[in-house]
N, C-alpha and C. Protein backbone atom coordinates (compact mmCIF):
# COMPACT_ATOMS: atom_id res chain seq x y z
N MET A 1 0.35 -0.91 -0.30
CA MET A 1 -0.14 0.12 0.45
C MET A 1 0.77 1.19 -0.27
N ASN A 2 1.63 1.37 1.07
CA ASN A 2 2.54 3.20 0.93
C ASN A 2 3.64 2.64 -0.30
N ASN A 3 3.91 1.85 -0.93
CA ASN A 3 4.64 1.84 -2.37
C ASN A 3 4.11 2.51 -3.04
N SER A 4 2.64 2.01 -3.02
CA SER A 4 1.72 2.66 -4.00
C SER A 4 1.14 4.17 -3.82
N ILE A 5 1.37 4.20 -2.51
CA ILE A 5 0.81 5.66 -1.94
C ILE A 5 2.00 6.63 -2.27
N LYS A 6 3.25 6.29 -2.58
CA LYS A 6 4.35 7.00 -2.45
C LYS A 6 4.44 7.15 -4.05
N GLU A 7 4.21 6.34 -5.07
CA GLU A 7 4.30 6.51 -6.62
C GLU A 7 3.30 7.19 -6.74
N GLN A 8 1.68 7.31 -5.93
CA GLN A 8 0.40 8.38 -6.63
C GLN A 8 1.09 9.86 -6.76
N LEU A 9 1.67 9.79 -5.12
CA LEU A 9 2.54 11.33 -4.40
C LEU A 9 3.26 11.94 -5.58
N ILE A 10 4.23 11.26 -5.98
CA ILE A 10 5.09 11.33 -6.97
C ILE A 10 4.68 11.63 -8.44
N GLN A 11 3.67 11.24 -8.50
CA GLN A 11 2.87 11.15 -9.82
C GLN A 11 2.16 12.65 -9.82
N MET A 12 1.61 12.73 -8.60
CA MET A 12 0.76 14.34 -8.60
C MET A 12 1.67 15.83 -8.83
N ALA A 13 2.91 15.42 -8.06
CA ALA A 13 3.96 16.54 -7.86
C ALA A 13 3.84 17.39 -9.11
N ASP A 14 4.14 18.47 -8.40
CA ASP A 14 3.39 20.11 -9.48
C ASP A 14 4.78 20.54 -9.08
N GLN A 15 5.77 20.94 -10.16
CA GLN A 15 7.33 21.18 -9.49
C GLN A 15 7.07 23.06 -9.65
N ASP A 16 6.16 23.68 -10.23
CA ASP A 16 5.57 24.99 -9.76
C ASP A 16 4.96 25.19 -8.71
N TYR A 17 4.16 24.48 -8.05
CA TYR A 17 3.99 24.64 -6.88
C TYR A 17 4.71 24.19 -5.96
N LYS A 18 5.55 23.63 -6.07
CA LYS A 18 6.73 22.99 -5.25
C LYS A 18 7.81 24.22 -4.90
N LYS A 19 7.79 25.15 -6.09
CA LYS A 19 8.71 26.33 -5.66
C LYS A 19 8.00 27.25 -4.64
N PHE A 20 6.49 27.45 -5.24
CA PHE A 20 5.90 28.02 -4.30
C PHE A 20 6.35 27.67 -2.36
N ALA A 21 5.45 27.08 -2.83
CA ALA A 21 5.06 26.14 -0.86
C ALA A 21 6.38 26.10 -0.58
N SER A 22 7.75 25.58 -0.64
CA SER A 22 9.12 25.52 -0.43
C SER A 22 9.47 26.93 0.39
N ALA A 23 8.93 27.71 -0.36
CA ALA A 23 9.46 29.57 -0.06
C ALA A 23 8.96 29.90 0.91
N LEU A 24 7.73 29.09 1.38
CA LEU A 24 6.60 29.12 2.45
C LEU A 24 7.20 28.67 4.13
N ILE A 25 7.86 27.37 4.10
CA ILE A 25 7.41 26.62 4.58
C ILE A 25 9.36 26.41 5.02
N PRO A 26 10.50 27.40 5.56
CA PRO A 26 11.41 27.06 6.32
C PRO A 26 11.75 25.34 6.45
N ASN A 27 12.81 25.23 5.95
CA ASN A 27 14.08 24.35 6.82
C ASN A 27 13.06 22.89 5.83
N ILE A 28 12.48 22.65 5.15
CA ILE A 28 12.11 22.26 4.74
C ILE A 28 12.70 21.28 2.85
N ASP A 29 13.20 20.23 3.51
CA ASP A 29 13.82 20.00 1.92
C ASP A 29 13.52 18.60 1.56
N ASN A 30 12.25 18.26 1.70
CA ASN A 30 11.36 16.91 1.18
C ASN A 30 10.43 17.08 0.70
N MET A 31 10.24 18.20 -0.14
CA MET A 31 8.54 18.41 -0.63
C MET A 31 8.65 17.99 -1.89
N LEU A 32 7.42 17.25 -2.34
CA LEU A 32 7.05 17.08 -3.49
C LEU A 32 6.82 18.12 -4.41
N GLY A 33 5.71 18.56 -3.86
CA GLY A 33 4.74 19.36 -4.03
C GLY A 33 3.51 18.89 -5.17
N VAL A 34 2.88 18.15 -4.12
CA VAL A 34 1.91 17.93 -3.94
C VAL A 34 0.47 18.81 -3.63
N ARG A 35 -0.76 19.43 -4.50
CA ARG A 35 -1.36 20.45 -4.18
C ARG A 35 -2.40 20.09 -3.20
N LEU A 36 -2.87 20.77 -2.03
CA LEU A 36 -3.51 20.21 -0.74
C LEU A 36 -4.87 19.71 -1.34
N PRO A 37 -5.56 20.41 -2.29
CA PRO A 37 -6.96 19.78 -2.54
C PRO A 37 -6.85 18.12 -3.23
N LYS A 38 -5.59 17.59 -4.02
CA LYS A 38 -5.63 16.30 -4.18
C LYS A 38 -5.23 15.48 -3.00
N LEU A 39 -4.22 16.27 -2.40
CA LEU A 39 -3.62 15.32 -0.82
C LEU A 39 -4.83 15.16 -0.28
N ARG A 40 -5.69 16.19 -0.14
CA ARG A 40 -7.50 15.96 1.02
C ARG A 40 -7.72 14.70 0.17
N LYS A 41 -8.42 14.75 -1.44
CA LYS A 41 -9.10 13.95 -1.92
C LYS A 41 -8.07 12.13 -1.87
N LEU A 42 -7.33 12.42 -1.77
CA LEU A 42 -6.30 10.89 -0.85
C LEU A 42 -6.85 10.54 0.08
N ALA A 43 -6.45 11.63 0.82
CA ALA A 43 -6.90 11.11 2.73
C ALA A 43 -8.41 11.24 2.72
N GLN A 44 -8.84 11.02 1.79
CA GLN A 44 -10.49 10.88 2.11
C GLN A 44 -10.87 9.39 1.71
N GLN A 45 -10.16 8.97 0.85
CA GLN A 45 -10.07 7.51 -0.01
C GLN A 45 -9.57 6.66 1.18
N LEU A 46 -8.76 6.70 1.53
CA LEU A 46 -7.49 6.22 2.33
C LEU A 46 -8.18 5.89 4.13
N ALA A 47 -9.00 7.34 4.47
CA ALA A 47 -9.97 7.33 5.74
C ALA A 47 -11.48 6.07 5.89
N LYS A 48 -11.38 6.19 4.60
CA LYS A 48 -12.43 4.98 4.22
C LYS A 48 -12.15 3.49 3.83
N GLN A 49 -10.47 2.88 3.78
CA GLN A 49 -10.06 2.05 3.42
C GLN A 49 -9.25 1.39 5.23
N ASP A 50 -8.48 0.69 4.80
CA ASP A 50 -7.72 -0.04 6.13
C ASP A 50 -6.69 1.18 6.45
N TRP A 51 -7.57 2.31 7.54
CA TRP A 51 -6.69 3.36 7.56
C TRP A 51 -5.40 2.99 9.01
N ARG A 52 -5.95 1.73 9.79
CA ARG A 52 -4.93 0.78 10.64
C ARG A 52 -3.91 0.93 10.13
N SER A 53 -4.35 -0.43 9.20
CA SER A 53 -3.33 -0.74 8.55
C SER A 53 -1.98 0.52 8.02
N TYR A 54 -2.90 1.32 7.41
CA TYR A 54 -2.28 2.61 6.73
C TYR A 54 -1.18 3.28 7.44
N LEU A 55 -2.16 3.87 8.68
CA LEU A 55 -1.15 4.74 9.94
C LEU A 55 0.21 3.82 10.66
N ALA A 56 -0.31 2.10 10.58
CA ALA A 56 1.31 1.55 11.28
C ALA A 56 2.09 1.51 10.69
N LYS A 57 1.76 1.75 9.34
CA LYS A 57 3.09 1.32 8.14
C LYS A 57 3.46 2.68 7.43
N ALA A 58 2.93 3.82 7.63
CA ALA A 58 2.79 5.26 6.84
C ALA A 58 4.55 5.21 6.49
N ASP A 59 5.07 5.98 5.62
CA ASP A 59 5.93 6.34 5.43
C ASP A 59 6.19 7.84 5.74
N ASN A 60 7.34 8.38 6.05
CA ASN A 60 7.77 9.84 6.42
C ASN A 60 8.77 10.13 5.39
N GLU A 61 9.34 9.70 3.97
CA GLU A 61 10.62 10.18 3.65
C GLU A 61 10.09 11.62 3.37
N TYR A 62 9.01 12.10 2.24
CA TYR A 62 8.37 13.43 1.98
C TYR A 62 7.51 14.17 3.01
N PHE A 63 7.25 15.32 2.93
CA PHE A 63 6.64 16.21 3.79
C PHE A 63 5.02 16.28 3.48
N GLU A 64 4.56 15.67 1.97
CA GLU A 64 3.48 15.18 1.67
C GLU A 64 2.86 13.61 2.55
N GLU A 65 3.89 12.93 2.97
CA GLU A 65 3.49 11.89 3.27
C GLU A 65 3.05 11.80 4.82
N VAL A 66 3.69 12.90 5.26
CA VAL A 66 3.10 12.71 6.58
C VAL A 66 2.09 14.01 6.59
N MET A 67 1.84 14.86 5.59
CA MET A 67 0.76 16.10 5.80
C MET A 67 -0.82 15.00 5.57
N LEU A 68 -0.22 13.69 4.54
CA LEU A 68 -1.29 12.86 4.27
C LEU A 68 -2.11 12.00 5.21
N GLN A 69 -0.87 11.59 5.93
CA GLN A 69 -1.11 11.00 7.62
C GLN A 69 -2.19 11.92 8.98
N GLY A 70 -1.92 13.14 8.53
CA GLY A 70 -2.65 14.04 9.63
C GLY A 70 -4.18 14.29 8.87
N MET A 71 -3.87 14.41 7.67
CA MET A 71 -5.37 14.61 7.00
C MET A 71 -6.09 13.23 7.09
N VAL A 72 -5.52 12.23 6.83
CA VAL A 72 -6.32 10.89 6.71
C VAL A 72 -6.85 10.94 8.53
N ILE A 73 -5.98 10.94 9.58
CA ILE A 73 -7.01 11.10 11.18
C ILE A 73 -7.97 11.90 10.96
N GLY A 74 -7.98 13.06 10.64
CA GLY A 74 -8.93 14.57 10.59
C GLY A 74 -10.16 13.21 9.81
N TYR A 75 -9.92 12.91 8.78
CA TYR A 75 -11.34 12.10 8.07
C TYR A 75 -11.97 10.94 9.13
N LEU A 76 -10.87 10.56 9.84
CA LEU A 76 -11.83 8.91 10.52
C LEU A 76 -13.02 9.21 10.80
N LYS A 77 -13.70 8.43 10.58
CA LYS A 77 -14.89 8.04 11.15
C LYS A 77 -14.81 6.51 12.42
N ALA A 78 -14.38 7.40 13.50
CA ALA A 78 -13.66 6.24 14.75
C ALA A 78 -14.12 6.50 16.08
N ASP A 79 -14.03 6.24 16.66
CA ASP A 79 -14.51 5.88 18.24
C ASP A 79 -13.08 7.23 18.85
N ILE A 80 -14.23 8.14 19.50
CA ILE A 80 -12.64 9.29 19.79
C ILE A 80 -11.48 8.58 20.22
N GLU A 81 -11.83 8.04 21.07
CA GLU A 81 -10.41 7.01 21.90
C GLU A 81 -9.08 6.95 20.92
N GLU A 82 -9.74 5.95 19.80
CA GLU A 82 -9.17 5.73 18.80
C GLU A 82 -8.24 6.70 17.95
N VAL A 83 -9.32 7.95 17.39
CA VAL A 83 -8.82 9.02 16.70
C VAL A 83 -7.85 9.67 17.69
N LEU A 84 -8.05 10.16 19.09
CA LEU A 84 -6.95 10.92 19.85
C LEU A 84 -5.70 9.56 19.69
N GLU A 85 -5.72 8.47 19.97
CA GLU A 85 -4.52 7.67 19.72
C GLU A 85 -3.98 7.71 18.82
N ALA A 86 -4.66 8.04 17.70
CA ALA A 86 -4.20 8.26 16.69
C ALA A 86 -3.83 9.67 16.20
N ALA A 87 -4.05 10.63 17.04
CA ALA A 87 -3.26 12.22 16.73
C ALA A 87 -2.08 11.96 17.94
N ALA A 88 -2.29 11.68 18.55
CA ALA A 88 -0.61 10.92 19.55
C ALA A 88 0.40 10.55 19.27
N ASP A 89 0.07 9.24 18.45
CA ASP A 89 1.23 8.81 17.58
C ASP A 89 1.71 10.32 16.17
N PHE A 90 0.63 10.74 16.18
CA PHE A 90 1.59 12.12 14.62
C PHE A 90 1.70 13.11 15.40
N VAL A 91 2.18 13.84 16.31
CA VAL A 91 2.28 14.85 16.77
C VAL A 91 3.72 14.56 16.71
N PRO A 92 4.63 13.69 17.43
CA PRO A 92 5.60 13.60 16.67
C PRO A 92 6.64 14.01 15.63
N LYS A 93 5.78 13.71 14.67
CA LYS A 93 6.25 13.40 13.27
C LYS A 93 5.65 15.12 13.09
N ILE A 94 5.25 15.99 13.65
CA ILE A 94 5.01 17.64 13.01
C ILE A 94 6.39 18.28 12.96
N ASN A 95 7.04 18.51 12.05
CA ASN A 95 8.49 19.56 12.14
C ASN A 95 8.12 20.74 11.24
N ASN A 96 6.69 21.52 11.38
CA ASN A 96 7.07 22.51 10.46
C ASN A 96 5.52 23.22 10.93
N TRP A 97 5.38 24.27 10.66
CA TRP A 97 4.07 24.88 10.76
C TRP A 97 2.61 24.51 9.77
N SER A 98 3.21 24.40 8.53
CA SER A 98 2.09 24.05 8.16
C SER A 98 1.66 22.74 7.94
N VAL A 99 1.97 21.53 8.48
CA VAL A 99 1.44 19.81 8.76
C VAL A 99 0.91 21.08 9.97
N CYS A 100 1.70 21.06 10.92
CA CYS A 100 0.46 21.64 12.03
C CYS A 100 -0.65 21.74 11.97
N ASP A 101 -0.74 23.04 11.62
CA ASP A 101 -1.88 23.53 11.15
C ASP A 101 -2.85 22.93 10.49
N SER A 102 -2.49 22.34 9.14
CA SER A 102 -3.50 21.79 8.65
C SER A 102 -3.88 20.29 9.46
N PHE A 103 -3.61 20.05 10.47
CA PHE A 103 -3.62 18.48 11.31
C PHE A 103 -5.17 19.19 12.13
N CYS A 104 -4.49 20.06 12.57
CA CYS A 104 -5.51 20.89 13.43
C CYS A 104 -6.81 21.16 12.84
N ALA A 105 -6.63 21.92 12.23
CA ALA A 105 -7.78 22.10 11.20
C ALA A 105 -8.98 21.26 10.67
N GLY A 106 -7.93 19.64 10.26
CA GLY A 106 -8.99 18.75 10.24
C GLY A 106 -9.45 17.92 11.72
N LEU A 107 -8.82 18.39 12.78
CA LEU A 107 -9.73 17.69 13.72
C LEU A 107 -10.88 17.94 14.38
N LYS A 108 -11.73 18.22 13.26
CA LYS A 108 -13.41 18.76 13.55
C LYS A 108 -14.31 17.73 14.51
N MET A 109 -13.38 16.73 14.70
CA MET A 109 -14.25 15.90 15.70
C MET A 109 -14.20 16.93 17.54
N THR A 110 -13.35 17.43 17.57
CA THR A 110 -13.31 18.15 18.69
C THR A 110 -14.69 18.99 19.30
N LYS A 111 -15.05 19.08 17.74
CA LYS A 111 -16.44 20.37 18.02
C LYS A 111 -17.44 19.43 18.78
N ALA A 112 -17.14 18.42 18.44
CA ALA A 112 -18.51 17.29 19.28
C ALA A 112 -17.80 16.62 20.88
N ASN A 113 -16.50 16.87 20.89
CA ASN A 113 -16.40 16.30 22.24
C ASN A 113 -15.19 17.04 22.87
N LYS A 114 -15.62 18.41 22.89
CA LYS A 114 -14.26 19.25 23.65
C LYS A 114 -13.76 19.19 24.72
N GLU A 115 -14.42 18.78 25.62
CA GLU A 115 -14.23 18.36 27.58
C GLU A 115 -13.30 17.09 27.11
N HIS A 116 -13.48 15.98 26.34
CA HIS A 116 -12.43 15.35 26.08
C HIS A 116 -10.97 15.20 25.55
N VAL A 117 -11.31 16.41 24.62
CA VAL A 117 -10.21 16.74 23.95
C VAL A 117 -9.69 17.58 24.77
N TRP A 118 -10.00 18.44 25.34
CA TRP A 118 -9.16 19.41 26.52
C TRP A 118 -8.37 18.96 27.17
N GLY A 119 -9.34 17.74 27.65
CA GLY A 119 -7.99 16.69 28.32
C GLY A 119 -6.96 15.93 28.23
N PHE A 120 -7.11 15.67 26.73
CA PHE A 120 -5.70 15.08 25.34
C PHE A 120 -4.82 16.18 25.56
N LEU A 121 -5.00 17.20 25.07
CA LEU A 121 -3.95 18.58 24.87
C LEU A 121 -3.46 18.81 26.28
N LEU A 122 -4.10 18.84 27.19
CA LEU A 122 -3.51 19.29 28.19
C LEU A 122 -1.65 18.93 28.77
N PRO A 123 -1.76 18.10 28.02
CA PRO A 123 -0.29 17.35 28.63
C PRO A 123 0.85 18.10 27.22
N TYR A 124 0.26 18.60 26.29
CA TYR A 124 1.30 19.21 25.39
C TYR A 124 2.11 20.59 26.06
N PHE A 125 1.35 21.17 26.19
CA PHE A 125 1.69 22.82 27.29
C PHE A 125 2.05 21.99 28.33
N ALA A 126 2.34 21.02 28.77
CA ALA A 126 3.79 20.67 28.95
C ALA A 126 5.24 20.13 29.04
N SER A 127 4.43 20.39 27.62
CA SER A 127 6.30 19.84 26.46
C SER A 127 7.43 21.08 26.65
N ASP A 128 8.14 20.56 26.45
CA ASP A 128 9.35 21.27 25.96
C ASP A 128 9.87 21.74 24.58
N GLN A 129 8.65 20.63 23.92
CA GLN A 129 9.40 20.68 22.28
C GLN A 129 8.12 21.39 21.78
N GLU A 130 8.93 22.47 20.77
CA GLU A 130 8.34 23.48 19.96
C GLU A 130 7.19 23.21 19.24
N TYR A 131 6.80 21.95 18.36
CA TYR A 131 5.58 21.59 18.15
C TYR A 131 4.77 20.84 18.20
N ASP A 132 5.21 20.39 19.29
CA ASP A 132 4.19 20.23 20.78
C ASP A 132 3.22 21.17 21.42
N LEU A 133 3.71 22.28 21.14
CA LEU A 133 3.13 23.12 21.87
C LEU A 133 2.23 24.27 20.80
N ARG A 134 3.14 24.44 19.67
CA ARG A 134 2.49 24.87 18.56
C ARG A 134 0.75 23.62 18.39
N PHE A 135 0.95 22.86 18.53
CA PHE A 135 -0.55 21.57 17.92
C PHE A 135 -0.93 22.28 19.30
N GLY A 136 -0.90 22.63 20.46
CA GLY A 136 -2.12 22.83 21.86
C GLY A 136 -2.31 24.35 21.10
N ILE A 137 -1.58 24.98 21.19
CA ILE A 137 -2.21 26.16 20.71
C ILE A 137 -3.07 27.01 19.75
N VAL A 138 -2.27 25.60 19.14
CA VAL A 138 -3.23 26.03 17.14
C VAL A 138 -5.02 25.32 17.44
N MET A 139 -4.54 24.54 18.37
CA MET A 139 -5.86 23.87 18.86
C MET A 139 -6.97 24.34 19.78
N LEU A 140 -6.25 25.20 20.28
CA LEU A 140 -7.10 26.16 21.26
C LEU A 140 -7.79 26.99 20.58
N LEU A 141 -6.65 27.63 19.20
CA LEU A 141 -7.72 28.75 18.87
C LEU A 141 -8.23 28.23 17.72
N ASN A 142 -8.48 26.89 17.17
CA ASN A 142 -9.53 26.57 16.08
C ASN A 142 -10.83 26.28 17.16
N TYR A 143 -10.70 25.83 18.25
CA TYR A 143 -11.64 24.98 19.01
C TYR A 143 -12.08 25.69 20.12
N TYR A 144 -11.76 26.54 21.17
CA TYR A 144 -11.71 26.91 22.14
C TYR A 144 -12.05 28.41 22.64
N ILE A 145 -11.94 29.18 21.32
CA ILE A 145 -12.08 30.75 21.60
C ILE A 145 -13.29 30.67 21.85
N GLU A 146 -14.28 30.75 22.93
CA GLU A 146 -15.67 31.05 23.10
C GLU A 146 -15.39 31.02 24.71
N ALA A 147 -16.72 31.78 24.87
CA ALA A 147 -16.89 32.13 26.36
C ALA A 147 -16.79 31.26 27.55
N ASP A 148 -17.26 30.07 27.37
CA ASP A 148 -17.07 28.58 28.36
C ASP A 148 -15.44 28.47 28.78
N TYR A 149 -14.66 28.99 27.86
CA TYR A 149 -13.33 28.72 27.88
C TYR A 149 -12.37 29.44 27.61
N ILE A 150 -12.88 30.46 27.62
CA ILE A 150 -11.82 31.63 27.50
C ILE A 150 -10.78 31.66 28.72
N GLU A 151 -11.21 31.92 29.65
CA GLU A 151 -9.95 31.70 31.07
C GLU A 151 -9.08 30.87 31.37
N ARG A 152 -9.73 29.71 30.95
CA ARG A 152 -8.55 28.31 30.67
C ARG A 152 -7.83 28.54 29.36
N VAL A 153 -8.09 29.40 28.58
CA VAL A 153 -7.34 29.20 26.91
C VAL A 153 -6.11 30.16 27.64
N LEU A 154 -6.38 31.36 27.84
CA LEU A 154 -5.96 32.34 28.14
C LEU A 154 -4.50 31.90 29.43
N ARG A 155 -5.45 31.24 30.19
CA ARG A 155 -4.34 30.94 31.45
C ARG A 155 -3.50 29.83 30.88
N LEU A 156 -4.03 28.91 30.07
CA LEU A 156 -2.64 28.55 29.53
C LEU A 156 -1.58 28.85 28.36
N ILE A 157 -2.48 30.23 27.24
CA ILE A 157 -1.12 30.60 26.77
C ILE A 157 -0.47 31.84 27.45
N ASP A 158 -0.79 31.55 28.72
CA ASP A 158 0.07 32.67 29.82
C ASP A 158 1.06 32.00 30.43
N GLU A 159 0.73 30.58 30.22
CA GLU A 159 1.82 29.49 31.02
C GLU A 159 3.37 29.07 29.91
N VAL A 160 2.86 29.48 28.97
CA VAL A 160 3.94 28.18 27.77
C VAL A 160 4.82 29.77 27.96
N ASP A 161 6.04 28.87 28.56
CA ASP A 161 7.04 29.70 28.00
C ASP A 161 8.08 29.13 27.50
N HIS A 162 8.58 29.29 25.88
CA HIS A 162 9.19 28.41 25.29
C HIS A 162 10.07 29.55 24.07
N LYS A 163 11.19 29.38 23.75
CA LYS A 163 11.65 30.72 23.11
C LYS A 163 11.61 30.20 21.36
N GLY A 164 10.94 29.30 20.96
CA GLY A 164 10.55 28.61 19.46
C GLY A 164 9.90 29.87 18.81
N TYR A 165 10.05 30.21 17.64
CA TYR A 165 9.61 31.46 16.65
C TYR A 165 7.83 30.80 16.65
N TYR A 166 7.50 29.23 16.24
CA TYR A 166 6.90 29.10 15.88
C TYR A 166 5.85 28.78 17.18
N VAL A 167 5.70 28.91 18.51
CA VAL A 167 5.54 28.84 19.09
C VAL A 167 4.35 30.39 19.93
N LYS A 168 5.87 31.23 19.82
CA LYS A 168 5.63 32.50 19.81
C LYS A 168 4.76 32.86 19.00
N MET A 169 4.76 32.57 17.89
CA MET A 169 3.57 33.16 16.84
C MET A 169 2.32 32.59 16.49
N ALA A 170 2.41 31.06 17.02
CA ALA A 170 0.58 30.57 17.27
C ALA A 170 0.52 31.56 18.71
N ALA A 171 0.77 31.56 19.62
CA ALA A 171 0.36 32.29 20.97
C ALA A 171 0.12 33.48 20.59
N ALA A 172 0.43 34.25 19.40
CA ALA A 172 -0.13 35.84 19.31
C ALA A 172 -0.77 35.72 18.69
N TRP A 173 -1.06 34.69 17.79
CA TRP A 173 -2.34 34.17 16.27
C TRP A 173 -3.63 33.79 17.18
N ALA A 174 -3.42 33.01 18.31
CA ALA A 174 -4.42 32.75 18.89
C ALA A 174 -4.76 34.40 19.95
N LEU A 175 -4.23 35.03 20.54
CA LEU A 175 -4.62 35.99 21.11
C LEU A 175 -5.05 37.44 20.76
N SER A 176 -4.70 37.26 19.58
CA SER A 176 -5.36 38.53 18.63
C SER A 176 -6.83 37.90 18.00
N ILE A 177 -6.89 36.42 18.10
CA ILE A 177 -8.64 35.70 18.01
C ILE A 177 -9.10 35.98 19.22
N CYS A 178 -8.72 35.56 20.13
CA CYS A 178 -9.54 35.90 21.72
C CYS A 178 -9.94 37.42 21.88
N TYR A 179 -8.61 38.40 21.20
CA TYR A 179 -9.10 39.42 21.15
C TYR A 179 -10.75 40.12 20.36
N ILE A 180 -10.72 39.55 19.21
CA ILE A 180 -11.68 39.90 18.36
C ILE A 180 -12.67 39.28 18.73
N LYS A 181 -13.24 38.09 18.97
CA LYS A 181 -14.08 36.82 19.95
C LYS A 181 -14.70 37.46 21.34
N LEU A 182 -13.75 38.10 21.69
CA LEU A 182 -14.20 38.23 22.91
C LEU A 182 -12.84 39.13 23.72
N PRO A 183 -13.14 40.52 23.36
CA PRO A 183 -12.51 41.46 23.23
C PRO A 183 -12.47 41.85 25.26
N GLU A 184 -13.76 41.88 26.01
CA GLU A 184 -13.46 42.27 27.38
C GLU A 184 -12.34 41.43 27.98
N PRO A 185 -12.68 40.00 28.20
CA PRO A 185 -11.73 39.18 29.04
C PRO A 185 -9.89 39.33 28.11
N THR A 186 -9.95 39.15 27.10
CA THR A 186 -8.69 39.52 26.53
C THR A 186 -7.78 40.71 27.18
N MET A 187 -8.79 41.86 26.34
CA MET A 187 -7.80 42.85 27.60
C MET A 187 -7.63 42.90 28.70
N HIS A 188 -8.44 42.68 29.59
CA HIS A 188 -8.08 42.15 31.10
C HIS A 188 -7.05 41.04 31.55
N TYR A 189 -7.27 40.48 30.40
CA TYR A 189 -5.57 39.57 30.39
C TYR A 189 -4.22 40.35 30.23
N LEU A 190 -4.55 41.25 28.66
CA LEU A 190 -3.17 41.74 28.04
C LEU A 190 -2.87 42.57 29.23
N GLN A 191 -3.44 43.16 30.05
CA GLN A 191 -3.01 44.14 30.70
C GLN A 191 -2.12 43.54 31.77
N SER A 192 -2.23 42.26 32.32
CA SER A 192 -1.79 41.83 33.54
C SER A 192 -0.95 40.43 32.85
N SER A 193 -0.56 40.34 31.53
CA SER A 193 -0.01 39.31 31.05
C SER A 193 1.48 38.99 31.20
N LYS A 194 2.31 37.98 31.86
CA LYS A 194 3.32 37.36 31.95
C LYS A 194 3.89 37.11 29.90
N LEU A 195 3.52 37.19 29.13
CA LEU A 195 4.04 37.21 28.06
C LEU A 195 5.63 37.96 27.94
N ASP A 196 6.24 37.43 27.07
CA ASP A 196 7.15 37.94 26.93
C ASP A 196 7.11 39.16 25.45
N ASP A 197 7.90 40.17 25.80
CA ASP A 197 7.59 41.29 24.70
C ASP A 197 6.96 41.03 23.11
N PHE A 198 7.89 40.00 22.80
CA PHE A 198 8.21 39.72 21.63
C PHE A 198 6.82 39.18 21.18
N THR A 199 5.87 38.16 21.71
CA THR A 199 4.55 37.68 22.00
C THR A 199 3.81 38.26 21.99
N TYR A 200 3.98 39.69 23.37
CA TYR A 200 3.06 40.03 23.50
C TYR A 200 2.86 41.44 22.08
N ASN A 201 3.93 42.20 22.33
CA ASN A 201 3.72 43.28 20.78
C ASN A 201 3.10 42.44 19.27
N LYS A 202 3.68 40.95 19.36
CA LYS A 202 3.18 40.92 18.45
C LYS A 202 1.57 40.33 17.79
N ALA A 203 1.09 40.29 19.11
CA ALA A 203 0.06 39.89 19.41
C ALA A 203 -1.17 40.76 19.60
N LEU A 204 -0.55 42.22 19.74
CA LEU A 204 -1.26 43.54 19.50
C LEU A 204 -0.73 43.93 17.79
N GLN A 205 -0.29 43.72 17.11
CA GLN A 205 0.22 43.80 16.10
C GLN A 205 -1.10 42.87 15.22
N LYS A 206 -1.18 41.92 15.49
CA LYS A 206 -2.30 40.79 14.80
C LYS A 206 -3.62 41.89 15.03
N ILE A 207 -3.81 41.80 16.14
CA ILE A 207 -5.26 42.68 16.28
C ILE A 207 -5.53 44.11 15.51
N ILE A 208 -4.34 44.96 15.28
CA ILE A 208 -4.22 46.16 15.16
C ILE A 208 -4.77 45.54 13.62
N GLU A 209 -4.11 44.59 13.22
CA GLU A 209 -4.41 44.26 11.07
C GLU A 209 -5.79 43.28 10.74
N SER A 210 -6.45 43.30 11.93
CA SER A 210 -7.79 42.89 11.44
C SER A 210 -8.52 43.83 11.09
N LEU A 211 -9.13 43.72 10.22
CA LEU A 211 -10.39 44.17 9.13
C LEU A 211 -11.63 44.38 10.19
N GLN A 212 -11.72 43.80 11.21
CA GLN A 212 -13.10 43.39 12.15
C GLN A 212 -13.14 44.15 13.62
N ILE A 213 -11.76 45.30 13.24
CA ILE A 213 -11.34 46.44 15.17
C ILE A 213 -11.26 47.56 13.93
N ASP A 214 -12.39 48.34 15.14
CA ASP A 214 -12.42 50.00 14.64
C ASP A 214 -10.90 50.68 14.76
N LYS A 215 -11.02 51.53 14.40
CA LYS A 215 -9.98 52.46 14.48
C LYS A 215 -10.11 53.21 15.70
N GLU A 216 -10.53 53.58 16.43
CA GLU A 216 -10.28 53.93 17.85
C GLU A 216 -9.84 52.59 18.24
N THR A 217 -9.86 51.36 18.79
CA THR A 217 -9.87 50.50 19.18
C THR A 217 -8.35 50.47 18.91
N LYS A 218 -7.98 49.93 17.33
CA LYS A 218 -6.30 50.51 16.79
C LYS A 218 -5.60 50.70 17.61
N GLN A 219 -6.10 52.52 17.60
CA GLN A 219 -5.45 53.33 18.61
C GLN A 219 -5.05 52.72 19.94
N LEU A 220 -5.83 52.25 20.66
CA LEU A 220 -5.69 52.04 21.49
C LEU A 220 -4.96 50.98 21.87
N ILE A 221 -5.17 50.00 21.25
CA ILE A 221 -4.35 49.04 21.26
C ILE A 221 -3.11 48.94 20.66
N ARG A 222 -2.55 49.93 19.88
CA ARG A 222 -1.43 50.57 19.49
C ARG A 222 -0.57 51.39 20.71
N SER A 223 -1.05 52.31 21.86
CA SER A 223 -0.66 52.47 22.80
C SER A 223 -0.63 51.57 23.83
N MET A 224 -0.55 50.21 23.53
CA MET A 224 -0.33 49.21 24.65
C MET A 224 1.11 48.61 24.23
N LYS A 225 1.48 49.27 23.04
CA LYS A 225 2.88 48.74 23.07
C LYS A 225 4.04 48.40 23.76
N ARG A 226 4.45 47.75 24.02
CA ARG A 226 5.74 47.41 25.26
C ARG A 226 7.02 47.68 23.91
N LYS A 227 8.05 48.52 25.18
CA LYS A 227 9.24 48.38 24.45
C LYS A 227 10.29 47.40 24.76
N GLN A 228 10.62 46.89 23.51
CA GLN A 228 11.21 45.65 24.00
C GLN A 228 12.94 46.24 24.62
N SER A 229 13.03 45.18 25.44
CA SER A 229 14.63 45.41 26.28
C SER A 229 15.69 44.76 24.93
N SER A 230 16.84 45.58 25.16
CA SER A 230 17.66 45.42 23.99
C SER A 230 18.42 43.98 24.35
């Protein structure tokens, strides 16, 4: 099966797309250049077949082979525990923002299992691995920025202490979404947060860049910017 999948991916490769996509994902040198709609179509087919054998034996040689595994997990029609077990096996394979964010976006079963998945996510916030933490944060911004969870979300993000660029950017992104959706608790948090200067200022920048924020509010947010220590 895996040789067949690898051959299909190689045949689907598009050199122009490879040049475009490679430029967006630094430090990745194993990309074939398969467009995402084609990967999704193949993932949907695999999720309906013997997906357990596929995931157990899947190869990780190419960027697309790893991306495909994450997509398959997102399409599974299986018991939540089995899906989360597959997710836990997959997370250590994440080594770039693209696979991480695509995987998180695909885990839509979270919407119907919020408390269960919340418990699953918590250990990732105790990790010292950059993409474990990004996975946890991006899951929060996809599924948990709502009134019932906002205080817990803000608390978790505030406790993250990692120097990784992709952790800091995910935290800033998440906080901007928090502010757009729930400005009052997020503003209260920003005024007393333990965030490092880079993450804090980047969160403010992303809020200001939002088309959903009015001019007066943007002025207020600009005034909150910290002077970064040299």
